[in-house]
Amino acid sequence: MPRNRVALLSSGSVFLDGVANRLREEGMAVDIVPTAAQNPVGRLKEFRPDAVVMESPERDPSPWPEEVLRAVATTVICLDLERDELDVRTSRRIAGATTGRLVAAIRAALAAASEDRGGEGTIRQGQCQESRPLSEARRGNA
């Protein structure tokens, strides 16, 4: 099984450092990309992440439009720390953005994305759905 690659777009959040450490413990390759990085899209293209985690565009406007991120990664996960909410754009919303829940949601989103791959390795894009308990996401019921 290929090693999952996750890029975390960070404006300096210590929370995402903890998430990165947990993902590495689970054997994932992680790159923390500062939102002020020079040539961030080039850095993302070079890293080739399976998922990009970013703060909610409403809270921390990304210097890159979501469609640019989607061209680089199959899954874009938006996180709003103030509202304690996680929005996995390709599948579901999950409340409670703690480190453990975010790591579990990233794992679930990557699993769902790999199950949704078409013949050419594409991902079926969906709209955000209503909030679901994290236990459903862990069972893969996205």
C-alpha atoms as a PDB file:
ATOM      1  CA  MET A   1       0.000   0.000   0.000  1.00  0.00           C
ATOM      2  CA  PRO A   2       1.469   3.379  -0.973  1.00  0.00           C
ATOM      3  CA  ARG A   3       2.308   5.808   1.780  1.00  0.00           C
ATOM      4  CA  ASN A   4      -0.230   8.632   2.074  1.00  0.00           C
ATOM      5  CA  ARG A   5       1.074  12.159   1.633  1.00  0.00           C
ATOM      6  CA  VAL A   6      -0.596  15.059   3.441  1.00  0.00           C
ATOM      7  CA  ALA A   7       0.200  18.768   3.074  1.00  0.00           C
ATOM      8  CA  LEU A   8      -0.832  21.071   5.920  1.00  0.00           C
ATOM      9  CA  LEU A   9      -1.190  24.733   4.967  1.00  0.00           C
ATOM     10  CA  SER A  10      -0.328  26.654   8.090  1.00  0.00           C
ATOM     11  CA  SER A  11      -0.293  30.271   9.143  1.00  0.00           C
ATOM     12  CA  GLY A  12       1.785  29.230  12.142  1.00  0.00           C
ATOM     13  CA  SER A  13      -0.744  27.123  14.066  1.00  0.00           C
ATOM     14  CA  VAL A  14       0.825  25.026  16.824  1.00  0.00           C
ATOM     15  CA  PHE A  15      -2.263  22.787  16.538  1.00  0.00           C
ATOM     16  CA  LEU A  16      -1.208  21.713  13.029  1.00  0.00           C
ATOM     17  CA  ASP A  17       2.284  20.863  14.327  1.00  0.00           C
ATOM     18  CA  GLY A  18       0.634  18.344  16.666  1.00  0.00           C
ATOM     19  CA  VAL A  19      -1.466  16.983  13.806  1.00  0.00           C
ATOM     20  CA  ALA A  20       1.667  16.622  11.653  1.00  0.00           C
ATOM     21  CA  ASN A  21       3.424  14.664  14.400  1.00  0.00           C
ATOM     22  CA  ARG A  22       0.441  12.299  14.804  1.00  0.00           C
ATOM     23  CA  LEU A  23       0.224  11.721  11.038  1.00  0.00           C
ATOM     24  CA  ARG A  24       3.951  10.930  10.917  1.00  0.00           C
ATOM     25  CA  GLU A  25       3.498   8.451  13.774  1.00  0.00           C
ATOM     26  CA  GLU A  26       0.887   6.729  11.598  1.00  0.00           C
ATOM     27  CA  GLY A  27       3.417   6.428   8.778  1.00  0.00           C
ATOM     28  CA  MET A  28       2.194   9.255   6.562  1.00  0.00           C
ATOM     29  CA  ALA A  29       4.494  11.663   4.766  1.00  0.00           C
ATOM     30  CA  VAL A  30       3.708  15.207   5.923  1.00  0.00           C
ATOM     31  CA  ASP A  31       4.768  18.622   4.669  1.00  0.00           C
ATOM     32  CA  ILE A  32       3.815  21.775   6.550  1.00  0.00           C
ATOM     33  CA  VAL A  33       3.572  24.560   3.974  1.00  0.00           C
ATOM     34  CA  PRO A  34       3.512  28.078   5.429  1.00  0.00           C
ATOM     35  CA  THR A  35       0.785  30.201   3.880  1.00  0.00           C
ATOM     36  CA  ALA A  36       3.476  32.829   3.228  1.00  0.00           C
ATOM     37  CA  ALA A  37       5.815  30.377   1.448  1.00  0.00           C
ATOM     38  CA  GLN A  38       7.472  31.431  -1.765  1.00  0.00           C
ATOM     39  CA  ASN A  39       6.133  29.415  -4.710  1.00  0.00           C
ATOM     40  CA  PRO A  40       3.732  27.355  -2.567  1.00  0.00           C
ATOM     41  CA  VAL A  41       2.012  25.750  -5.565  1.00  0.00           C
ATOM     42  CA  GLY A  42       5.386  24.576  -6.872  1.00  0.00           C
ATOM     43  CA  ARG A  43       6.187  23.165  -3.453  1.00  0.00           C
ATOM     44  CA  LEU A  44       2.843  21.344  -3.359  1.00  0.00           C
ATOM     45  CA  LYS A  45       3.314  20.000  -6.890  1.00  0.00           C
ATOM     46  CA  GLU A  46       6.750  18.712  -5.940  1.00  0.00           C
ATOM     47  CA  PHE A  47       5.426  17.028  -2.765  1.00  0.00           C
ATOM     48  CA  ARG A  48       2.382  15.565  -4.629  1.00  0.00           C
ATOM     49  CA  PRO A  49       0.041  15.267  -1.629  1.00  0.00           C
ATOM     50  CA  ASP A  50      -3.010  13.005  -1.528  1.00  0.00           C
ATOM     51  CA  ALA A  51      -4.702  15.556   0.741  1.00  0.00           C
ATOM     52  CA  VAL A  52      -4.302  19.237   1.551  1.00  0.00           C
ATOM     53  CA  VAL A  53      -5.489  20.505   4.948  1.00  0.00           C
ATOM     54  CA  MET A  54      -6.097  24.241   5.222  1.00  0.00           C
ATOM     55  CA  GLU A  55      -7.854  26.643   7.551  1.00  0.00           C
ATOM     56  CA  SER A  56     -11.343  27.612   6.479  1.00  0.00           C
ATOM     57  CA  PRO A  57     -11.165  30.215   3.694  1.00  0.00           C
ATOM     58  CA  GLU A  58     -13.712  32.274   5.628  1.00  0.00           C
ATOM     59  CA  ARG A  59     -11.289  32.545   8.585  1.00  0.00           C
ATOM     60  CA  ASP A  60      -7.892  32.533   6.910  1.00  0.00           C
ATOM     61  CA  PRO A  61      -8.165  33.331   3.202  1.00  0.00           C
ATOM     62  CA  SER A  62      -5.725  31.101   1.387  1.00  0.00           C
ATOM     63  CA  PRO A  63      -3.375  32.743  -1.078  1.00  0.00           C
ATOM     64  CA  TRP A  64      -4.387  29.941  -3.464  1.00  0.00           C
ATOM     65  CA  PRO A  65      -7.927  29.308  -4.715  1.00  0.00           C
ATOM     66  CA  GLU A  66      -9.410  25.920  -3.843  1.00  0.00           C
ATOM     67  CA  GLU A  67      -9.465  24.916  -7.528  1.00  0.00           C
ATOM     68  CA  VAL A  68      -5.671  25.343  -7.604  1.00  0.00           C
ATOM     69  CA  LEU A  69      -5.361  23.060  -4.584  1.00  0.00           C
ATOM     70  CA  ARG A  70      -7.713  20.515  -6.186  1.00  0.00           C
ATOM     71  CA  ALA A  71      -5.418  20.388  -9.214  1.00  0.00           C
ATOM     72  CA  VAL A  72      -2.601  19.336  -6.864  1.00  0.00           C
ATOM     73  CA  ALA A  73      -4.404  17.026  -4.400  1.00  0.00           C
ATOM     74  CA  THR A  74      -7.381  14.687  -4.614  1.00  0.00           C
ATOM     75  CA  THR A  75      -8.834  15.805  -1.270  1.00  0.00           C
ATOM     76  CA  VAL A  76      -9.006  19.301   0.249  1.00  0.00           C
ATOM     77  CA  ILE A  77      -9.887  19.481   3.943  1.00  0.00           C
ATOM     78  CA  CYS A  78     -10.917  22.841   5.410  1.00  0.00           C
ATOM     79  CA  LEU A  79     -10.649  23.357   9.126  1.00  0.00           C
ATOM     80  CA  ASP A  80     -12.226  26.100  11.251  1.00  0.00           C
ATOM     81  CA  LEU A  81     -10.598  26.070  14.686  1.00  0.00           C
ATOM     82  CA  GLU A  82     -12.816  28.827  16.083  1.00  0.00           C
ATOM     83  CA  ARG A  83     -16.070  27.044  15.282  1.00  0.00           C
ATOM     84  CA  ASP A  84     -14.534  23.672  16.159  1.00  0.00           C
ATOM     85  CA  GLU A  85     -15.575  22.291  12.795  1.00  0.00           C
ATOM     86  CA  LEU A  86     -13.973  20.279  10.067  1.00  0.00           C
ATOM     87  CA  ASP A  87     -15.215  20.404   6.488  1.00  0.00           C
ATOM     88  CA  VAL A  88     -13.989  17.685   4.162  1.00  0.00           C
ATOM     89  CA  ARG A  89     -14.979  19.281   0.888  1.00  0.00           C
ATOM     90  CA  THR A  90     -15.141  16.036  -1.056  1.00  0.00           C
ATOM     91  CA  SER A  91     -17.336  14.164   1.397  1.00  0.00           C
ATOM     92  CA  ARG A  92     -18.621  15.399   4.753  1.00  0.00           C
ATOM     93  CA  ARG A  93     -18.559  17.813   7.684  1.00  0.00           C
ATOM     94  CA  ILE A  94     -17.319  16.623  11.052  1.00  0.00           C
ATOM     95  CA  ALA A  95     -17.660  18.606  14.269  1.00  0.00           C
ATOM     96  CA  GLY A  96     -14.913  18.657  16.882  1.00  0.00           C
ATOM     97  CA  ALA A  97     -11.602  19.508  15.238  1.00  0.00           C
ATOM     98  CA  THR A  98      -9.342  18.103  17.936  1.00  0.00           C
ATOM     99  CA  THR A  99      -5.999  16.599  16.927  1.00  0.00           C
ATOM    100  CA  GLY A 100      -7.346  13.046  17.197  1.00  0.00           C
ATOM    101  CA  ARG A 101     -10.514  13.825  15.267  1.00  0.00           C
ATOM    102  CA  LEU A 102      -8.642  15.674  12.554  1.00  0.00           C
ATOM    103  CA  VAL A 103      -6.191  12.785  12.134  1.00  0.00           C
ATOM    104  CA  ALA A 104      -9.103  10.301  12.018  1.00  0.00           C
ATOM    105  CA  ALA A 105     -10.943  12.487   9.493  1.00  0.00           C
ATOM    106  CA  ILE A 106      -7.852  12.769   7.285  1.00  0.00           C
ATOM    107  CA  ARG A 107      -7.466   8.990   7.434  1.00  0.00           C
ATOM    108  CA  ALA A 108     -11.180   8.506   6.583  1.00  0.00           C
ATOM    109  CA  ALA A 109     -11.056  11.075   3.742  1.00  0.00           C
ATOM    110  CA  LEU A 110      -8.010   9.381   2.221  1.00  0.00           C
ATOM    111  CA  ALA A 111      -9.702   5.962   2.483  1.00  0.00           C
ATOM    112  CA  ALA A 112     -12.908   7.300   0.913  1.00  0.00           C
ATOM    113  CA  ALA A 113     -10.934   8.997  -1.870  1.00  0.00           C
ATOM    114  CA  SER A 114      -9.049   5.799  -2.699  1.00  0.00           C
ATOM    115  CA  GLU A 115     -12.355   3.868  -2.831  1.00  0.00           C
ATOM    116  CA  ASP A 116     -13.851   6.527  -5.150  1.00  0.00           C
ATOM    117  CA  ARG A 117     -11.045   6.426  -7.705  1.00  0.00           C
ATOM    118  CA  GLY A 118     -12.252   5.973 -11.254  1.00  0.00           C
ATOM    119  CA  GLY A 119     -10.481   4.000 -13.958  1.00  0.00           C
ATOM    120  CA  GLU A 120      -8.057   6.846 -14.661  1.00  0.00           C
ATOM    121  CA  GLY A 121      -7.331   7.540 -11.007  1.00  0.00           C
ATOM    122  CA  THR A 122      -9.757  10.442 -10.786  1.00  0.00           C
ATOM    123  CA  ILE A 123     -11.835  11.304  -7.747  1.00  0.00           C
ATOM    124  CA  ARG A 124     -15.577  11.787  -7.967  1.00  0.00           C
ATOM    125  CA  GLN A 125     -16.128  15.250  -6.541  1.00  0.00           C
ATOM    126  CA  GLY A 126     -19.143  15.724  -4.266  1.00  0.00           C
ATOM    127  CA  GLN A 127     -20.732  18.517  -2.311  1.00  0.00           C
ATOM    128  CA  CYS A 128     -20.378  18.904   1.437  1.00  0.00           C
ATOM    129  CA  GLN A 129     -23.051  16.960   3.255  1.00  0.00           C
ATOM    130  CA  GLU A 130     -24.617  17.548   6.633  1.00  0.00           C
ATOM    131  CA  SER A 131     -22.609  16.897   9.783  1.00  0.00           C
ATOM    132  CA  ARG A 132     -22.214  13.246  10.701  1.00  0.00           C
ATOM    133  CA  PRO A 133     -20.840  11.635  13.827  1.00  0.00           C
ATOM    134  CA  LEU A 134     -17.135  10.880  13.575  1.00  0.00           C
ATOM    135  CA  SER A 135     -17.906   7.186  14.190  1.00  0.00           C
ATOM    136  CA  GLU A 136     -19.667   7.068  10.806  1.00  0.00           C
ATOM    137  CA  ALA A 137     -16.640   8.587   9.098  1.00  0.00           C
ATOM    138  CA  ARG A 138     -14.389   5.994  10.704  1.00  0.00           C
ATOM    139  CA  ARG A 139     -16.580   3.202   9.322  1.00  0.00           C
ATOM    140  CA  GLY A 140     -16.179   4.760   5.885  1.00  0.00           C
ATOM    141  CA  ASN A 141     -19.818   5.817   5.519  1.00  0.00           C
ATOM    142  CA  ALA A 142     -18.968   9.086   3.843  1.00  0.00           C
END
